[in-house]
Every structure is written in C-alpha cells, then in structure tokens.
Amino acid sequence: LVASVLDDNYECYAAANGMDGIKLSLLGEPDLIVC
C-alpha cells in the first residue's frame, strides 16, 4: 500500500524487520525511512 502510493515518484524498497532494515540502510543509503 505505501509503495503503491509513493511508487511513481519515488524509488521504494522494503525490509520486514529492523535487522534487515539496518543492513539495507547502510547499503542502500535511503533518503527517507518509513518505520
């Protein structure tokens, strides 16, 4: 749902828990995190 609202204007990717989120944050350098 969140990605469908944002998808056209933003590059969205997701993690299902905080541990995976840490890894993706450090590798993917997001501009914004919705947590």
Full PDB file with SEQRES, HELIX, SHEET, SSBOND, CRYST1, ORIGX, SCALE, CONECT and MASTER records, all heavy atoms in Angstrom:
SEQRES   1 A   35  LEU VAL ALA SER VAL LEU ASP ASP ASN TYR GLU CYS TYR          
SEQRES   2 A   35  ALA ALA ALA ASN GLY MET ASP GLY ILE LYS LEU SER LEU          
SEQRES   3 A   35  LEU GLY GLU PRO ASP LEU ILE VAL CYS                          
HELIX    1 AA1 VAL A    2  LEU A    6  1                                   5    
HELIX    2 AA2 GLY A   18  GLY A   28  1                                  11    
CRYST1    1.000    1.000    1.000  90.00  90.00  90.00 P 1           1          
ORIGX1      1.000000  0.000000  0.000000        0.00000                         
ORIGX2      0.000000  1.000000  0.000000        0.00000                         
ORIGX3      0.000000  0.000000  1.000000        0.00000                         
SCALE1      1.000000  0.000000  0.000000        0.00000                         
SCALE2      0.000000  1.000000  0.000000        0.00000                         
SCALE3      0.000000  0.000000  1.000000        0.00000                         
ATOM      1  N   LEU A   1       0.830  -1.208   0.000  1.00  0.00           N  
ATOM      2  CA  LEU A   1       0.000   0.000   0.000  1.00  0.00           C  
ATOM      3  C   LEU A   1       0.865   1.258   0.000  1.00  0.00           C  
ATOM      4  O   LEU A   1       0.662   2.152  -0.828  1.00  0.00           O  
ATOM      5  CB  LEU A   1      -0.932   0.004   1.217  1.00  0.00           C  
ATOM      6  CG  LEU A   1      -1.766   1.265   1.403  1.00  0.00           C  
ATOM      7  CD1 LEU A   1      -2.751   1.437   0.262  1.00  0.00           C  
ATOM      8  CD2 LEU A   1      -2.481   1.241   2.740  1.00  0.00           C  
ATOM      9  N   VAL A   2       1.820   1.324   0.913  1.00  0.00           N  
ATOM     10  CA  VAL A   2       2.689   2.507   0.989  1.00  0.00           C  
ATOM     11  C   VAL A   2       3.473   2.670  -0.315  1.00  0.00           C  
ATOM     12  O   VAL A   2       3.551   3.764  -0.875  1.00  0.00           O  
ATOM     13  CB  VAL A   2       3.636   2.416   2.201  1.00  0.00           C  
ATOM     14  CG1 VAL A   2       4.666   3.538   2.174  1.00  0.00           C  
ATOM     15  CG2 VAL A   2       2.843   2.445   3.501  1.00  0.00           C  
ATOM     16  N   ALA A   3       4.026   1.585  -0.819  1.00  0.00           N  
ATOM     17  CA  ALA A   3       4.805   1.658  -2.056  1.00  0.00           C  
ATOM     18  C   ALA A   3       3.939   2.068  -3.239  1.00  0.00           C  
ATOM     19  O   ALA A   3       4.389   2.819  -4.101  1.00  0.00           O  
ATOM     20  CB  ALA A   3       5.477   0.313  -2.330  1.00  0.00           C  
ATOM     21  N   SER A   4       2.683   1.616  -3.275  1.00  0.00           N  
ATOM     22  CA  SER A   4       1.815   1.969  -4.401  1.00  0.00           C  
ATOM     23  C   SER A   4       1.481   3.460  -4.399  1.00  0.00           C  
ATOM     24  O   SER A   4       1.329   4.063  -5.455  1.00  0.00           O  
ATOM     25  CB  SER A   4       0.534   1.140  -4.385  1.00  0.00           C  
ATOM     26  OG  SER A   4      -0.318   1.524  -3.325  1.00  0.00           O  
ATOM     27  N   VAL A   5       1.391   4.046  -3.223  1.00  0.00           N  
ATOM     28  CA  VAL A   5       1.117   5.480  -3.130  1.00  0.00           C  
ATOM     29  C   VAL A   5       2.347   6.285  -3.557  1.00  0.00           C  
ATOM     30  O   VAL A   5       2.226   7.317  -4.201  1.00  0.00           O  
ATOM     31  CB  VAL A   5       0.700   5.856  -1.685  1.00  0.00           C  
ATOM     32  CG1 VAL A   5       0.635   7.362  -1.504  1.00  0.00           C  
ATOM     33  CG2 VAL A   5      -0.633   5.221  -1.334  1.00  0.00           C  
ATOM     34  N   LEU A   6       3.525   5.786  -3.241  1.00  0.00           N  
ATOM     35  CA  LEU A   6       4.760   6.520  -3.499  1.00  0.00           C  
ATOM     36  C   LEU A   6       5.482   6.110  -4.775  1.00  0.00           C  
ATOM     37  O   LEU A   6       6.328   6.853  -5.267  1.00  0.00           O  
ATOM     38  CB  LEU A   6       5.730   6.299  -2.324  1.00  0.00           C  
ATOM     39  CG  LEU A   6       5.256   6.742  -0.957  1.00  0.00           C  
ATOM     40  CD1 LEU A   6       6.229   6.278   0.102  1.00  0.00           C  
ATOM     41  CD2 LEU A   6       5.079   8.245  -0.922  1.00  0.00           C  
ATOM     42  N   ASP A   7       5.171   4.963  -5.312  1.00  0.00           N  
ATOM     43  CA  ASP A   7       5.986   4.313  -6.330  1.00  0.00           C  
ATOM     44  C   ASP A   7       6.277   5.143  -7.578  1.00  0.00           C  
ATOM     45  O   ASP A   7       7.388   5.103  -8.087  1.00  0.00           O  
ATOM     46  CB  ASP A   7       5.351   2.982  -6.737  1.00  0.00           C  
ATOM     47  CG  ASP A   7       6.375   2.016  -7.285  1.00  0.00           C  
ATOM     48  OD1 ASP A   7       7.565   2.159  -6.942  1.00  0.00           O  
ATOM     49  OD2 ASP A   7       5.987   1.137  -8.058  1.00  0.00           O  
ATOM     50  N   ASP A   8       5.353   5.896  -8.088  1.00  0.00           N  
ATOM     51  CA  ASP A   8       5.587   6.644  -9.323  1.00  0.00           C  
ATOM     52  C   ASP A   8       6.636   7.735  -9.170  1.00  0.00           C  
ATOM     53  O   ASP A   8       7.365   8.041 -10.107  1.00  0.00           O  
ATOM     54  CB  ASP A   8       4.286   7.268  -9.827  1.00  0.00           C  
ATOM     55  CG  ASP A   8       3.317   6.222 -10.347  1.00  0.00           C  
ATOM     56  OD1 ASP A   8       3.762   5.103 -10.665  1.00  0.00           O  
ATOM     57  OD2 ASP A   8       2.119   6.527 -10.424  1.00  0.00           O  
ATOM     58  N   ASN A   9       6.706   8.323  -8.010  1.00  0.00           N  
ATOM     59  CA  ASN A   9       7.611   9.452  -7.812  1.00  0.00           C  
ATOM     60  C   ASN A   9       8.869   9.122  -7.020  1.00  0.00           C  
ATOM     61  O   ASN A   9       9.787   9.934  -6.960  1.00  0.00           O  
ATOM     62  CB  ASN A   9       6.869  10.580  -7.092  1.00  0.00           C  
ATOM     63  CG  ASN A   9       5.681  11.063  -7.892  1.00  0.00           C  
ATOM     64  OD1 ASN A   9       5.821  11.364  -9.067  1.00  0.00           O  
ATOM     65  ND2 ASN A   9       4.526  11.112  -7.285  1.00  0.00           N  
ATOM     66  N   TYR A  10       8.896   7.949  -6.399  1.00  0.00           N  
ATOM     67  CA  TYR A  10      10.000   7.582  -5.518  1.00  0.00           C  
ATOM     68  C   TYR A  10      10.455   6.160  -5.794  1.00  0.00           C  
ATOM     69  O   TYR A  10       9.694   5.336  -6.262  1.00  0.00           O  
ATOM     70  CB  TYR A  10       9.574   7.684  -4.047  1.00  0.00           C  
ATOM     71  CG  TYR A  10       9.036   9.042  -3.693  1.00  0.00           C  
ATOM     72  CD1 TYR A  10       7.665   9.289  -3.690  1.00  0.00           C  
ATOM     73  CD2 TYR A  10       9.894  10.083  -3.370  1.00  0.00           C  
ATOM     74  CE1 TYR A  10       7.168  10.550  -3.377  1.00  0.00           C  
ATOM     75  CE2 TYR A  10       9.406  11.341  -3.054  1.00  0.00           C  
ATOM     76  CZ  TYR A  10       8.043  11.565  -3.062  1.00  0.00           C  
ATOM     77  OH  TYR A  10       7.562  12.800  -2.759  1.00  0.00           O  
ATOM     78  N   GLU A  11      11.691   5.880  -5.458  1.00  0.00           N  
ATOM     79  CA  GLU A  11      12.208   4.519  -5.538  1.00  0.00           C  
ATOM     80  C   GLU A  11      12.033   3.886  -4.166  1.00  0.00           C  
ATOM     81  O   GLU A  11      12.675   4.299  -3.192  1.00  0.00           O  
ATOM     82  CB  GLU A  11      13.680   4.545  -5.920  1.00  0.00           C  
ATOM     83  CG  GLU A  11      14.298   3.186  -6.034  1.00  0.00           C  
ATOM     84  CD  GLU A  11      15.776   3.253  -6.350  1.00  0.00           C  
ATOM     85  OE1 GLU A  11      16.245   4.270  -6.889  1.00  0.00           O  
ATOM     86  OE2 GLU A  11      16.464   2.272  -6.035  1.00  0.00           O  
ATOM     87  N   CYS A  12      11.136   2.905  -4.060  1.00  0.00           N  
ATOM     88  CA  CYS A  12      10.819   2.278  -2.778  1.00  0.00           C  
ATOM     89  C   CYS A  12      11.424   0.879  -2.698  1.00  0.00           C  
ATOM     90  O   CYS A  12      11.430   0.143  -3.681  1.00  0.00           O  
ATOM     91  CB  CYS A  12       9.311   2.165  -2.597  1.00  0.00           C  
ATOM     92  SG  CYS A  12       8.464   3.742  -2.531  1.00  0.00           S  
ATOM     93  N   TYR A  13      11.922   0.553  -1.525  1.00  0.00           N  
ATOM     94  CA  TYR A  13      12.343  -0.808  -1.236  1.00  0.00           C  
ATOM     95  C   TYR A  13      12.012  -1.080   0.217  1.00  0.00           C  
ATOM     96  O   TYR A  13      11.733  -0.153   0.973  1.00  0.00           O  
ATOM     97  CB  TYR A  13      13.811  -1.048  -1.587  1.00  0.00           C  
ATOM     98  CG  TYR A  13      14.825  -0.159  -0.910  1.00  0.00           C  
ATOM     99  CD1 TYR A  13      15.688  -0.674   0.031  1.00  0.00           C  
ATOM    100  CD2 TYR A  13      14.946   1.188  -1.237  1.00  0.00           C  
ATOM    101  CE1 TYR A  13      16.646   0.121   0.643  1.00  0.00           C  
ATOM    102  CE2 TYR A  13      15.887   1.993  -0.640  1.00  0.00           C  
ATOM    103  CZ  TYR A  13      16.741   1.456   0.306  1.00  0.00           C  
ATOM    104  OH  TYR A  13      17.680   2.242   0.907  1.00  0.00           O  
ATOM    105  N   ALA A  14      11.977  -2.357   0.615  1.00  0.00           N  
ATOM    106  CA  ALA A  14      11.423  -2.691   1.917  1.00  0.00           C  
ATOM    107  C   ALA A  14      12.231  -3.752   2.648  1.00  0.00           C  
ATOM    108  O   ALA A  14      12.953  -4.542   2.045  1.00  0.00           O  
ATOM    109  CB  ALA A  14       9.988  -3.179   1.744  1.00  0.00           C  
ATOM    110  N   ALA A  15      12.060  -3.739   3.974  1.00  0.00           N  
ATOM    111  CA  ALA A  15      12.597  -4.770   4.860  1.00  0.00           C  
ATOM    112  C   ALA A  15      11.496  -5.128   5.851  1.00  0.00           C  
ATOM    113  O   ALA A  15      10.685  -4.280   6.229  1.00  0.00           O  
ATOM    114  CB  ALA A  15      13.829  -4.266   5.594  1.00  0.00           C  
ATOM    115  N   ALA A  16      11.478  -6.393   6.282  1.00  0.00           N  
ATOM    116  CA  ALA A  16      10.411  -6.875   7.153  1.00  0.00           C  
ATOM    117  C   ALA A  16      10.744  -6.785   8.637  1.00  0.00           C  
ATOM    118  O   ALA A  16       9.896  -7.062   9.482  1.00  0.00           O  
ATOM    119  CB  ALA A  16      10.067  -8.327   6.796  1.00  0.00           C  
ATOM    120  N   ASN A  17      11.968  -6.394   8.970  1.00  0.00           N  
ATOM    121  CA  ASN A  17      12.326  -6.236  10.391  1.00  0.00           C  
ATOM    122  C   ASN A  17      13.494  -5.262  10.501  1.00  0.00           C  
ATOM    123  O   ASN A  17      14.130  -4.905   9.509  1.00  0.00           O  
ATOM    124  CB  ASN A  17      12.665  -7.593  11.024  1.00  0.00           C  
ATOM    125  CG  ASN A  17      13.863  -8.260  10.388  1.00  0.00           C  
ATOM    126  OD1 ASN A  17      14.974  -7.766  10.487  1.00  0.00           O  
ATOM    127  ND2 ASN A  17      13.634  -9.377   9.715  1.00  0.00           N  
ATOM    128  N   GLY A  18      13.767  -4.849  11.718  1.00  0.00           N  
ATOM    129  CA  GLY A  18      14.805  -3.848  11.945  1.00  0.00           C  
ATOM    130  C   GLY A  18      16.207  -4.302  11.585  1.00  0.00           C  
ATOM    131  O   GLY A  18      17.013  -3.507  11.114  1.00  0.00           O  
ATOM    132  N   MET A  19      16.500  -5.579  11.792  1.00  0.00           N  
ATOM    133  CA  MET A  19      17.834  -6.077  11.473  1.00  0.00           C  
ATOM    134  C   MET A  19      18.108  -5.977   9.970  1.00  0.00           C  
ATOM    135  O   MET A  19      19.152  -5.481   9.553  1.00  0.00           O  
ATOM    136  CB  MET A  19      17.980  -7.535  11.931  1.00  0.00           C  
ATOM    137  CG  MET A  19      19.391  -8.063  11.790  1.00  0.00           C  
ATOM    138  SD  MET A  19      20.608  -7.219  12.834  1.00  0.00           S  
ATOM    139  CE  MET A  19      20.139  -7.834  14.427  1.00  0.00           C  
ATOM    140  N   ASP A  20      17.146  -6.418   9.159  1.00  0.00           N  
ATOM    141  CA  ASP A  20      17.293  -6.281   7.711  1.00  0.00           C  
ATOM    142  C   ASP A  20      17.293  -4.808   7.311  1.00  0.00           C  
ATOM    143  O   ASP A  20      17.977  -4.405   6.374  1.00  0.00           O  
ATOM    144  CB  ASP A  20      16.178  -7.022   6.974  1.00  0.00           C  
ATOM    145  CG  ASP A  20      16.309  -8.534   7.096  1.00  0.00           C  
ATOM    146  OD1 ASP A  20      17.413  -9.029   7.431  1.00  0.00           O  
ATOM    147  OD2 ASP A  20      15.306  -9.225   6.856  1.00  0.00           O  
ATOM    148  N   GLY A  21      16.531  -4.004   8.039  1.00  0.00           N  
ATOM    149  CA  GLY A  21      16.486  -2.569   7.769  1.00  0.00           C  
ATOM    150  C   GLY A  21      17.826  -1.892   7.981  1.00  0.00           C  
ATOM    151  O   GLY A  21      18.225  -1.022   7.201  1.00  0.00           O  
ATOM    152  N   ILE A  22      18.555  -2.304   9.025  1.00  0.00           N  
ATOM    153  CA  ILE A  22      19.901  -1.765   9.272  1.00  0.00           C  
ATOM    154  C   ILE A  22      20.800  -2.072   8.079  1.00  0.00           C  
ATOM    155  O   ILE A  22      21.498  -1.201   7.561  1.00  0.00           O  
ATOM    156  CB  ILE A  22      20.507  -2.343  10.567  1.00  0.00           C  
ATOM    157  CG1 ILE A  22      19.782  -1.813  11.795  1.00  0.00           C  
ATOM    158  CG2 ILE A  22      22.009  -2.058  10.652  1.00  0.00           C  
ATOM    159  CD1 ILE A  22      20.069  -0.379  12.152  1.00  0.00           C  
ATOM    160  N   LYS A  23      20.777  -3.334   7.646  1.00  0.00           N  
ATOM    161  CA  LYS A  23      21.626  -3.739   6.522  1.00  0.00           C  
ATOM    162  C   LYS A  23      21.295  -2.940   5.266  1.00  0.00           C  
ATOM    163  O   LYS A  23      22.186  -2.426   4.592  1.00  0.00           O  
ATOM    164  CB  LYS A  23      21.455  -5.238   6.251  1.00  0.00           C  
ATOM    165  CG  LYS A  23      21.974  -6.106   7.356  1.00  0.00           C  
ATOM    166  CD  LYS A  23      21.628  -7.562   7.104  1.00  0.00           C  
ATOM    167  CE  LYS A  23      21.942  -8.406   8.323  1.00  0.00           C  
ATOM    168  NZ  LYS A  23      21.445  -9.780   8.184  1.00  0.00           N  
ATOM    169  N   LEU A  24      19.998  -2.830   4.951  1.00  0.00           N  
ATOM    170  CA  LEU A  24      19.596  -2.091   3.750  1.00  0.00           C  
ATOM    171  C   LEU A  24      19.884  -0.598   3.880  1.00  0.00           C  
ATOM    172  O   LEU A  24      20.206   0.064   2.894  1.00  0.00           O  
ATOM    173  CB  LEU A  24      18.118  -2.314   3.452  1.00  0.00           C  
ATOM    174  CG  LEU A  24      17.744  -3.694   2.913  1.00  0.00           C  
ATOM    175  CD1 LEU A  24      16.238  -3.801   2.740  1.00  0.00           C  
ATOM    176  CD2 LEU A  24      18.437  -3.953   1.593  1.00  0.00           C  
ATOM    177  N   SER A  25      19.766  -0.059   5.079  1.00  0.00           N  
ATOM    178  CA  SER A  25      20.055   1.371   5.296  1.00  0.00           C  
ATOM    179  C   SER A  25      21.516   1.686   5.026  1.00  0.00           C  
ATOM    180  O   SER A  25      21.841   2.706   4.420  1.00  0.00           O  
ATOM    181  CB  SER A  25      19.724   1.776   6.732  1.00  0.00           C  
ATOM    182  OG  SER A  25      18.359   1.654   6.981  1.00  0.00           O  
ATOM    183  N   LEU A  26      22.381   0.812   5.486  1.00  0.00           N  
ATOM    184  CA  LEU A  26      23.807   1.052   5.310  1.00  0.00           C  
ATOM    185  C   LEU A  26      24.249   0.806   3.872  1.00  0.00           C  
ATOM    186  O   LEU A  26      25.143   1.482   3.372  1.00  0.00           O  
ATOM    187  CB  LEU A  26      24.606   0.178   6.278  1.00  0.00           C  
ATOM    188  CG  LEU A  26      24.354   0.480   7.764  1.00  0.00           C  
ATOM    189  CD1 LEU A  26      25.092  -0.514   8.640  1.00  0.00           C  
ATOM    190  CD2 LEU A  26      24.738   1.899   8.117  1.00  0.00           C  
ATOM    191  N   LEU A  27      23.607  -0.136   3.191  1.00  0.00           N  
ATOM    192  CA  LEU A  27      23.967  -0.434   1.803  1.00  0.00           C  
ATOM    193  C   LEU A  27      23.252   0.456   0.797  1.00  0.00           C  
ATOM    194  O   LEU A  27      23.843   0.871  -0.195  1.00  0.00           O  
ATOM    195  CB  LEU A  27      23.646  -1.902   1.481  1.00  0.00           C  
ATOM    196  CG  LEU A  27      24.453  -2.955   2.226  1.00  0.00           C  
ATOM    197  CD1 LEU A  27      23.916  -4.340   1.918  1.00  0.00           C  
ATOM    198  CD2 LEU A  27      25.923  -2.854   1.870  1.00  0.00           C  
ATOM    199  N   GLY A  28      21.966   0.729   1.042  1.00  0.00           N  
ATOM    200  CA  GLY A  28      21.155   1.415   0.051  1.00  0.00           C  
ATOM    201  C   GLY A  28      21.073   2.910   0.188  1.00  0.00           C  
ATOM    202  O   GLY A  28      20.562   3.581  -0.688  1.00  0.00           O  
ATOM    203  N   GLU A  29      21.561   3.455   1.281  1.00  0.00           N  
ATOM    204  CA  GLU A  29      21.546   4.894   1.527  1.00  0.00           C  
ATOM    205  C   GLU A  29      20.205   5.549   1.188  1.00  0.00           C  
ATOM    206  O   GLU A  29      20.112   6.370   0.276  1.00  0.00           O  
ATOM    207  CB  GLU A  29      22.679   5.566   0.761  1.00  0.00           C  
ATOM    208  CG  GLU A  29      24.041   5.094   1.167  1.00  0.00           C  
ATOM    209  CD  GLU A  29      25.163   5.784   0.413  1.00  0.00           C  
ATOM    210  OE1 GLU A  29      24.890   6.653  -0.436  1.00  0.00           O  
ATOM    211  OE2 GLU A  29      26.319   5.450   0.675  1.00  0.00           O  
ATOM    212  N   PRO A  30      19.156   5.211   1.953  1.00  0.00           N  
ATOM    213  CA  PRO A  30      17.852   5.817   1.682  1.00  0.00           C  
ATOM    214  C   PRO A  30      17.846   7.299   2.035  1.00  0.00           C  
ATOM    215  O   PRO A  30      18.585   7.753   2.907  1.00  0.00           O  
ATOM    216  CB  PRO A  30      16.914   5.035   2.598  1.00  0.00           C  
ATOM    217  CG  PRO A  30      17.781   4.574   3.721  1.00  0.00           C  
ATOM    218  CD  PRO A  30      19.124   4.300   3.102  1.00  0.00           C  
ATOM    219  N   ASP A  31      16.996   8.051   1.338  1.00  0.00           N  
ATOM    220  CA  ASP A  31      16.793   9.464   1.654  1.00  0.00           C  
ATOM    221  C   ASP A  31      15.776   9.625   2.780  1.00  0.00           C  
ATOM    222  O   ASP A  31      15.796  10.617   3.505  1.00  0.00           O  
ATOM    223  CB  ASP A  31      16.292  10.208   0.406  1.00  0.00           C  
ATOM    224  CG  ASP A  31      17.320  10.183  -0.712  1.00  0.00           C  
ATOM    225  OD1 ASP A  31      18.446  10.663  -0.483  1.00  0.00           O  
ATOM    226  OD2 ASP A  31      16.997   9.663  -1.793  1.00  0.00           O  
ATOM    227  N   LEU A  32      14.888   8.633   2.895  1.00  0.00           N  
ATOM    228  CA  LEU A  32      13.818   8.661   3.899  1.00  0.00           C  
ATOM    229  C   LEU A  32      13.536   7.236   4.325  1.00  0.00           C  
ATOM    230  O   LEU A  32      13.579   6.317   3.501  1.00  0.00           O  
ATOM    231  CB  LEU A  32      12.551   9.291   3.310  1.00  0.00           C  
ATOM    232  CG  LEU A  32      11.301   9.306   4.181  1.00  0.00           C  
ATOM    233  CD1 LEU A  32      11.460  10.298   5.327  1.00  0.00           C  
ATOM    234  CD2 LEU A  32      10.088   9.654   3.345  1.00  0.00           C  
ATOM    235  N   ILE A  33      13.236   7.042   5.620  1.00  0.00           N  
ATOM    236  CA  ILE A  33      12.857   5.730   6.130  1.00  0.00           C  
ATOM    237  C   ILE A  33      11.502   5.854   6.793  1.00  0.00           C  
ATOM    238  O   ILE A  33      11.300   6.707   7.662  1.00  0.00           O  
ATOM    239  CB  ILE A  33      13.889   5.203   7.145  1.00  0.00           C  
ATOM    240  CG1 ILE A  33      15.259   5.073   6.490  1.00  0.00           C  
ATOM    241  CG2 ILE A  33      13.422   3.867   7.732  1.00  0.00           C  
ATOM    242  CD1 ILE A  33      16.389   4.748   7.449  1.00  0.00           C  
ATOM    243  N   VAL A  34      10.563   5.001   6.371  1.00  0.00           N  
ATOM    244  CA  VAL A  34       9.250   4.898   7.000  1.00  0.00           C  
ATOM    245  C   VAL A  34       9.307   3.624   7.827  1.00  0.00           C  
ATOM    246  O   VAL A  34       9.491   2.531   7.283  1.00  0.00           O  
ATOM    247  CB  VAL A  34       8.116   4.813   5.948  1.00  0.00           C  
ATOM    248  CG1 VAL A  34       6.779   4.634   6.625  1.00  0.00           C  
ATOM    249  CG2 VAL A  34       8.123   6.036   5.056  1.00  0.00           C  
ATOM    250  N   CYS A  35       9.171   3.743   9.147  1.00  0.00           N  
ATOM    251  CA  CYS A  35       9.452   2.614  10.029  1.00  0.00           C  
ATOM    252  C   CYS A  35       8.273   2.277  10.936  1.00  0.00           C  
ATOM    253  O   CYS A  35       7.774   3.136  11.660  1.00  0.00           O  
ATOM    254  CB  CYS A  35      10.678   2.955  10.874  1.00  0.00           C  
ATOM    255  SG  CYS A  35      11.200   1.645  11.972  1.00  0.00           S  
TER     256      CYS A  35                                                      
MASTER        0    0    0    2    0    0    0    6  255    1    0    3          
END                                                                             
